[in-house]
Amino acid sequence: MADDTDWRLQGQERYLKGAVVTYHKYRRTSESWDHDHCEFCLAKFMEASTDPDVKTDGYATVHGDRWICSTCLADFKERFTLVIRQ
């Protein structure tokens, strides 16, 4: 669990506290937008990439508008009381 000085904390409690997330492959939400970023570490999510740093799956909120990588989910799930649905 990360402490209060973690650089990844930028006020996300305003919109992620108690959020429900599910694990799945990343899918773009429009033709004009091909990626999203982790709400904490800013890792890039894309449908496909040859870059090993780009994530192709992770945890998304119910509406798919907020993405969280596995590392950040492990670090912040308790702090933010995130609910993980199968």
C-alpha atoms as a PDB file:
ATOM      1  CA  MET A   1       0.000   0.000   0.000  1.00  0.00           C
ATOM      2  CA  ALA A   2       1.307   3.438  -0.921  1.00  0.00           C
ATOM      3  CA  ASP A   3       1.707   6.210   1.618  1.00  0.00           C
ATOM      4  CA  ASP A   4       0.447   9.815   1.455  1.00  0.00           C
ATOM      5  CA  THR A   5       3.623  11.041  -0.274  1.00  0.00           C
ATOM      6  CA  ASP A   6       3.289   8.709  -3.280  1.00  0.00           C
ATOM      7  CA  TRP A   7       3.678  10.780  -6.467  1.00  0.00           C
ATOM      8  CA  ARG A   8       0.783   8.898  -8.079  1.00  0.00           C
ATOM      9  CA  LEU A   9      -1.768  10.425  -5.699  1.00  0.00           C
ATOM     10  CA  GLN A  10      -3.318  13.440  -7.406  1.00  0.00           C
ATOM     11  CA  GLY A  11      -6.786  13.774  -5.881  1.00  0.00           C
ATOM     12  CA  GLN A  12      -8.288  10.652  -7.468  1.00  0.00           C
ATOM     13  CA  GLU A  13     -10.458  10.107  -4.377  1.00  0.00           C
ATOM     14  CA  ARG A  14     -12.871  12.667  -5.877  1.00  0.00           C
ATOM     15  CA  TYR A  15     -13.901  10.223  -8.591  1.00  0.00           C
ATOM     16  CA  LEU A  16     -12.501   6.787  -7.661  1.00  0.00           C
ATOM     17  CA  LYS A  17     -13.402   6.325  -3.986  1.00  0.00           C
ATOM     18  CA  GLY A  18     -15.544   3.154  -3.812  1.00  0.00           C
ATOM     19  CA  ALA A  19     -15.519   2.667  -7.588  1.00  0.00           C
ATOM     20  CA  VAL A  20     -16.423  -0.710  -9.090  1.00  0.00           C
ATOM     21  CA  VAL A  21     -13.805  -2.021 -11.522  1.00  0.00           C
ATOM     22  CA  THR A  22     -13.577  -5.075 -13.765  1.00  0.00           C
ATOM     23  CA  TYR A  23     -10.582  -6.678 -15.459  1.00  0.00           C
ATOM     24  CA  HIS A  24     -10.657  -6.873 -19.249  1.00  0.00           C
ATOM     25  CA  LYS A  25      -8.917  -6.131 -22.516  1.00  0.00           C
ATOM     26  CA  TYR A  26      -8.658  -2.486 -23.459  1.00  0.00           C
ATOM     27  CA  ARG A  27     -11.055  -1.377 -26.183  1.00  0.00           C
ATOM     28  CA  ARG A  28     -11.036   2.113 -27.584  1.00  0.00           C
ATOM     29  CA  THR A  29     -14.247   4.029 -27.088  1.00  0.00           C
ATOM     30  CA  SER A  30     -14.152   5.998 -30.339  1.00  0.00           C
ATOM     31  CA  GLU A  31     -12.394   6.093 -33.698  1.00  0.00           C
ATOM     32  CA  SER A  32     -10.739   9.381 -32.787  1.00  0.00           C
ATOM     33  CA  TRP A  33      -9.238   8.188 -29.487  1.00  0.00           C
ATOM     34  CA  ASP A  34      -6.877   5.196 -29.513  1.00  0.00           C
ATOM     35  CA  HIS A  35      -5.611   5.079 -25.933  1.00  0.00           C
ATOM     36  CA  ASP A  36      -6.203   5.836 -22.262  1.00  0.00           C
ATOM     37  CA  HIS A  37      -3.899   6.148 -19.261  1.00  0.00           C
ATOM     38  CA  CYS A  38      -3.781   4.592 -15.804  1.00  0.00           C
ATOM     39  CA  GLU A  39      -5.462   6.961 -13.377  1.00  0.00           C
ATOM     40  CA  PHE A  40      -2.438   6.724 -11.093  1.00  0.00           C
ATOM     41  CA  CYS A  41       0.866   6.056 -12.882  1.00  0.00           C
ATOM     42  CA  LEU A  42      -0.241   7.252 -16.348  1.00  0.00           C
ATOM     43  CA  ALA A  43       0.759   3.975 -18.044  1.00  0.00           C
ATOM     44  CA  LYS A  44      -0.705   3.899 -21.545  1.00  0.00           C
ATOM     45  CA  PHE A  45      -3.502   1.477 -22.475  1.00  0.00           C
ATOM     46  CA  MET A  46      -4.020   0.558 -26.140  1.00  0.00           C
ATOM     47  CA  GLU A  47      -5.705  -2.260 -28.058  1.00  0.00           C
ATOM     48  CA  ALA A  48      -2.366  -3.375 -29.504  1.00  0.00           C
ATOM     49  CA  SER A  49       1.222  -2.201 -29.382  1.00  0.00           C
ATOM     50  CA  THR A  50       4.745  -3.482 -29.903  1.00  0.00           C
ATOM     51  CA  ASP A  51       5.913  -1.276 -27.014  1.00  0.00           C
ATOM     52  CA  PRO A  52       6.383  -3.494 -23.926  1.00  0.00           C
ATOM     53  CA  ASP A  53       5.413  -0.596 -21.637  1.00  0.00           C
ATOM     54  CA  VAL A  54       1.950  -0.253 -23.188  1.00  0.00           C
ATOM     55  CA  LYS A  55      -0.831  -2.147 -21.388  1.00  0.00           C
ATOM     56  CA  THR A  56      -3.439  -4.015 -23.421  1.00  0.00           C
ATOM     57  CA  ASP A  57      -5.565  -5.044 -20.442  1.00  0.00           C
ATOM     58  CA  GLY A  58      -6.288  -3.810 -16.962  1.00  0.00           C
ATOM     59  CA  TYR A  59      -9.067  -2.671 -14.654  1.00  0.00           C
ATOM     60  CA  ALA A  60     -11.728  -0.262 -15.828  1.00  0.00           C
ATOM     61  CA  THR A  61     -14.647   1.430 -14.145  1.00  0.00           C
ATOM     62  CA  VAL A  62     -18.156   0.322 -15.054  1.00  0.00           C
ATOM     63  CA  HIS A  63     -18.463   2.880 -17.858  1.00  0.00           C
ATOM     64  CA  GLY A  64     -14.933   2.161 -19.136  1.00  0.00           C
ATOM     65  CA  ASP A  65     -13.894   5.771 -18.746  1.00  0.00           C
ATOM     66  CA  ARG A  66     -11.249   5.243 -16.036  1.00  0.00           C
ATOM     67  CA  TRP A  67      -8.416   2.687 -16.308  1.00  0.00           C
ATOM     68  CA  ILE A  68      -6.099   1.333 -13.618  1.00  0.00           C
ATOM     69  CA  CYS A  69      -3.088  -0.918 -14.216  1.00  0.00           C
ATOM     70  CA  SER A  70      -2.594  -4.054 -12.110  1.00  0.00           C
ATOM     71  CA  THR A  71       0.293  -2.565 -10.127  1.00  0.00           C
ATOM     72  CA  CYS A  72      -1.638   0.543  -9.135  1.00  0.00           C
ATOM     73  CA  LEU A  73      -4.738  -1.481  -8.329  1.00  0.00           C
ATOM     74  CA  ALA A  74      -2.704  -3.568  -5.879  1.00  0.00           C
ATOM     75  CA  ASP A  75      -1.197  -0.407  -4.366  1.00  0.00           C
ATOM     76  CA  PHE A  76      -4.443   1.559  -4.016  1.00  0.00           C
ATOM     77  CA  LYS A  77      -7.408  -0.848  -3.821  1.00  0.00           C
ATOM     78  CA  GLU A  78      -7.633  -0.643  -0.024  1.00  0.00           C
ATOM     79  CA  ARG A  79      -7.013   3.090   0.233  1.00  0.00           C
ATOM     80  CA  PHE A  80      -9.767   3.801  -2.316  1.00  0.00           C
ATOM     81  CA  THR A  81     -12.022   0.886  -1.262  1.00  0.00           C
ATOM     82  CA  LEU A  82     -12.185  -0.245  -4.875  1.00  0.00           C
ATOM     83  CA  VAL A  83     -14.656  -3.040  -5.570  1.00  0.00           C
ATOM     84  CA  ILE A  84     -13.341  -5.667  -7.995  1.00  0.00           C
ATOM     85  CA  ARG A  85     -16.042  -7.479  -9.968  1.00  0.00           C
ATOM     86  CA  GLN A  86     -15.382 -10.639 -11.952  1.00  0.00           C
END
